[in-house]
C-alpha atoms as a PDB file:
ATOM      1  CA  MET A   1       6.533  46.291  -3.952  1.00  0.00           C
ATOM      2  CA  ARG A   2       6.495  43.749  -6.633  1.00  0.00           C
ATOM      3  CA  VAL A   3       9.586  41.991  -7.618  1.00  0.00           C
ATOM      4  CA  GLN A   4       9.030  41.491 -11.819  1.00  0.00           C
ATOM      5  CA  ILE A   5      10.866  38.305 -12.619  1.00  0.00           C
ATOM      6  CA  PRO A   6      12.537  38.118 -16.343  1.00  0.00           C
ATOM      7  CA  PRO A   7      11.088  35.715 -18.768  1.00  0.00           C
ATOM      8  CA  SER A   8      14.287  34.174 -19.174  1.00  0.00           C
ATOM      9  CA  ALA A   9      14.506  33.290 -15.175  1.00  0.00           C
ATOM     10  CA  GLN A  10      11.066  31.882 -15.485  1.00  0.00           C
ATOM     11  CA  PHE A  11      11.363  28.250 -16.258  1.00  0.00           C
ATOM     12  CA  ASP A  12      11.014  25.272 -13.730  1.00  0.00           C
ATOM     13  CA  ILE A  13      14.560  23.944 -12.765  1.00  0.00           C
ATOM     14  CA  HIS A  14      12.988  20.931 -10.741  1.00  0.00           C
ATOM     15  CA  THR A  15      13.178  18.157 -12.724  1.00  0.00           C
ATOM     16  CA  ASN A  16      12.792  14.424 -12.057  1.00  0.00           C
ATOM     17  CA  ASP A  17      15.775  13.216 -12.462  1.00  0.00           C
ATOM     18  CA  VAL A  18      17.014  16.074  -9.569  1.00  0.00           C
ATOM     19  CA  TYR A  19      15.240  14.436  -7.140  1.00  0.00           C
ATOM     20  CA  ARG A  20      15.802  10.517  -7.900  1.00  0.00           C
ATOM     21  CA  PHE A  21      18.670   9.332  -6.423  1.00  0.00           C
ATOM     22  CA  ASN A  22      19.930   5.632  -5.805  1.00  0.00           C
ATOM     23  CA  MET A  23      20.642   4.002  -2.393  1.00  0.00           C
ATOM     24  CA  ARG A  24      22.323   0.291  -1.615  1.00  0.00           C
ATOM     25  CA  LYS A  25      20.179  -0.786   0.683  1.00  0.00           C
ATOM     26  CA  GLY A  26      21.721  -5.231   1.436  1.00  0.00           C
ATOM     27  CA  GLY A  27      23.496  -5.446  -1.955  1.00  0.00           C
ATOM     28  CA  ILE A  28      20.419  -4.063  -3.592  1.00  0.00           C
ATOM     29  CA  THR A  29      20.044  -0.456  -5.920  1.00  0.00           C
ATOM     30  CA  THR A  30      16.844   0.881  -4.534  1.00  0.00           C
ATOM     31  CA  LEU A  31      15.629   4.065  -7.022  1.00  0.00           C
ATOM     32  CA  HIS A  32      14.143   6.678  -4.306  1.00  0.00           C
ATOM     33  CA  ARG A  33      12.345  10.169  -5.501  1.00  0.00           C
ATOM     34  CA  ARG A  34      11.861  13.226  -3.282  1.00  0.00           C
ATOM     35  CA  LEU A  35       8.528  14.269  -2.379  1.00  0.00           C
ATOM     36  CA  ASN A  36       7.022  17.448  -0.909  1.00  0.00           C
ATOM     37  CA  ILE A  37       4.022  16.375   1.292  1.00  0.00           C
ATOM     38  CA  THR A  38       1.923  18.145   3.862  1.00  0.00           C
ATOM     39  CA  LEU A  39       1.231  16.507   7.456  1.00  0.00           C
ATOM     40  CA  PRO A  40      -0.497  17.890  10.154  1.00  0.00           C
ATOM     41  CA  GLU A  41       1.350  18.975  12.941  1.00  0.00           C
ATOM     42  CA  GLU A  42       0.601  16.507  15.417  1.00  0.00           C
ATOM     43  CA  THR A  43       1.367  13.702  12.812  1.00  0.00           C
ATOM     44  CA  VAL A  44       4.793  15.334  12.558  1.00  0.00           C
ATOM     45  CA  ARG A  45       5.234  15.188  15.723  1.00  0.00           C
ATOM     46  CA  LEU A  46       4.194  11.735  16.252  1.00  0.00           C
ATOM     47  CA  ILE A  47       6.780  10.650  13.319  1.00  0.00           C
ATOM     48  CA  ASP A  48       9.217  12.318  15.619  1.00  0.00           C
ATOM     49  CA  ARG A  49       8.186  10.535  18.368  1.00  0.00           C
ATOM     50  CA  ALA A  50       8.287   7.390  17.127  1.00  0.00           C
ATOM     51  CA  THR A  51      11.526   7.625  14.506  1.00  0.00           C
ATOM     52  CA  GLU A  52      15.342   8.877  15.082  1.00  0.00           C
ATOM     53  CA  LYS A  53      16.263  12.107  13.332  1.00  0.00           C
ATOM     54  CA  GLY A  54      16.812  11.499   9.625  1.00  0.00           C
ATOM     55  CA  ASP A  55      14.541   8.225   9.285  1.00  0.00           C
ATOM     56  CA  ARG A  56      10.744   9.655   8.812  1.00  0.00           C
ATOM     57  CA  SER A  57      11.076   8.689   5.203  1.00  0.00           C
ATOM     58  CA  ARG A  58      12.280   5.011   6.305  1.00  0.00           C
ATOM     59  CA  LEU A  59       9.285   5.232   8.771  1.00  0.00           C
ATOM     60  CA  ILE A  60       6.714   6.740   5.840  1.00  0.00           C
ATOM     61  CA  ASP A  61       7.897   4.419   3.491  1.00  0.00           C
ATOM     62  CA  GLN A  62       6.888   0.922   6.016  1.00  0.00           C
ATOM     63  CA  ALA A  63       3.797   3.024   7.398  1.00  0.00           C
ATOM     64  CA  ILE A  64       2.260   2.852   3.841  1.00  0.00           C
ATOM     65  CA  ARG A  65       3.765  -0.022   2.994  1.00  0.00           C
ATOM     66  CA  SER A  66       1.948  -1.892   5.876  1.00  0.00           C
ATOM     67  CA  TYR A  67      -1.489  -0.038   5.266  1.00  0.00           C
ATOM     68  CA  ILE A  68      -1.980  -0.969   1.734  1.00  0.00           C
ATOM     69  CA  GLY A  69      -0.777  -4.612   2.236  1.00  0.00           C
ATOM     70  CA  HIS A  70      -3.532  -4.256   5.042  1.00  0.00           C
ATOM     71  CA  GLN A  71      -5.927  -2.760   2.548  1.00  0.00           C
ATOM     72  CA  GLY A  72      -5.207  -5.419  -0.174  1.00  0.00           C
ATOM     73  CA  LYS A  73      -5.618  -8.411   2.498  1.00  0.00           C
ATOM     74  CA  MET A  74      -9.223  -6.664   3.577  1.00  0.00           C
ATOM     75  CA  ASN A  75     -10.069  -6.145   0.305  1.00  0.00           C
ATOM     76  CA  LEU A  76      -9.621  -9.781  -0.857  1.00  0.00           C
ATOM     77  CA  ARG A  77     -11.047 -10.844   2.301  1.00  0.00           C
ATOM     78  CA  LYS A  78     -14.496  -8.431   1.240  1.00  0.00           C
ATOM     79  CA  ARG A  79     -14.729  -9.990  -2.203  1.00  0.00           C
ATOM     80  CA  LEU A  80     -14.127 -14.159  -0.872  1.00  0.00           C
ATOM     81  CA  ILE A  81     -17.014 -13.435   1.513  1.00  0.00           C
ATOM     82  CA  GLU A  82     -19.012 -11.719  -1.092  1.00  0.00           C
ATOM     83  CA  GLY A  83     -18.185 -14.522  -3.167  1.00  0.00           C
ATOM     84  CA  TYR A  84     -18.954 -17.039  -1.025  1.00  0.00           C
ATOM     85  CA  ARG A  85     -22.577 -15.489   0.429  1.00  0.00           C
ATOM     86  CA  ARG A  86     -23.319 -15.535  -3.901  1.00  0.00           C
ATOM     87  CA  GLU A  87     -22.063 -18.862  -4.436  1.00  0.00           C
ATOM     88  CA  ALA A  88     -23.683 -20.278  -1.570  1.00  0.00           C
ATOM     89  CA  GLY A  89     -26.861 -21.575  -2.825  1.00  0.00           C
ATOM     90  CA  ARG A  90     -24.757 -23.500  -5.734  1.00  0.00           C
ATOM     91  CA  ASP A  91     -22.724 -25.084  -3.053  1.00  0.00           C
ATOM     92  CA  LEU A  92     -25.121 -26.111  -0.936  1.00  0.00           C
ATOM     93  CA  LYS A  93     -26.737 -28.093  -4.034  1.00  0.00           C
ATOM     94  CA  ILE A  94     -23.150 -29.682  -4.868  1.00  0.00           C
ATOM     95  CA  ALA A  95     -22.778 -30.843  -1.059  1.00  0.00           C
ATOM     96  CA  GLU A  96     -26.369 -32.104  -1.053  1.00  0.00           C
ATOM     97  CA  ASP A  97     -25.765 -34.026  -4.541  1.00  0.00           C
ATOM     98  CA  TRP A  98     -22.586 -36.048  -3.144  1.00  0.00           C
ATOM     99  CA  PHE A  99     -23.902 -36.564   0.691  1.00  0.00           C
ATOM    100  CA  ALA A 100     -25.066 -39.553  -0.122  1.00  0.00           C
ATOM    101  CA  ILE A 101     -22.169 -40.658  -2.143  1.00  0.00           C
ATOM    102  CA  ASP A 102     -19.720 -40.224   0.880  1.00  0.00           C
ATOM    103  CA  GLU A 103     -21.838 -41.657   3.039  1.00  0.00           C
ATOM    104  CA  GLU A 104     -21.749 -44.746   1.422  1.00  0.00           C
ATOM    105  CA  VAL A 105     -18.116 -44.371   1.304  1.00  0.00           C
ATOM    106  CA  TRP A 106     -17.650 -43.956   4.853  1.00  0.00           C
ATOM    107  CA  GLN A 107     -19.968 -47.005   5.539  1.00  0.00           C
ATOM    108  CA  ASN A 108     -17.665 -49.294   3.569  1.00  0.00           C
END
């Protein structure tokens, strides 16, 4: 048996504002937003073992911030290494050009 929903009842009552709320944290008001995510059961068990009841959101927030920070550092490191390698010839030339002057200064 299929239930028919009248057209007047077919509207979305879940707006962004319903899921946004302010929390005071150390005197700072932060905006929070409720999300519906799906995680593997094993991941949920790990979260439950690592945190107290009611602190899942805080753990996920900290994990994401840590991951994004780590990824940002790794991307910067990668770009710096690429730049060093790309400019190695130029840098070596500059060092060679100034080597004689440096030697002269250090001998005096």
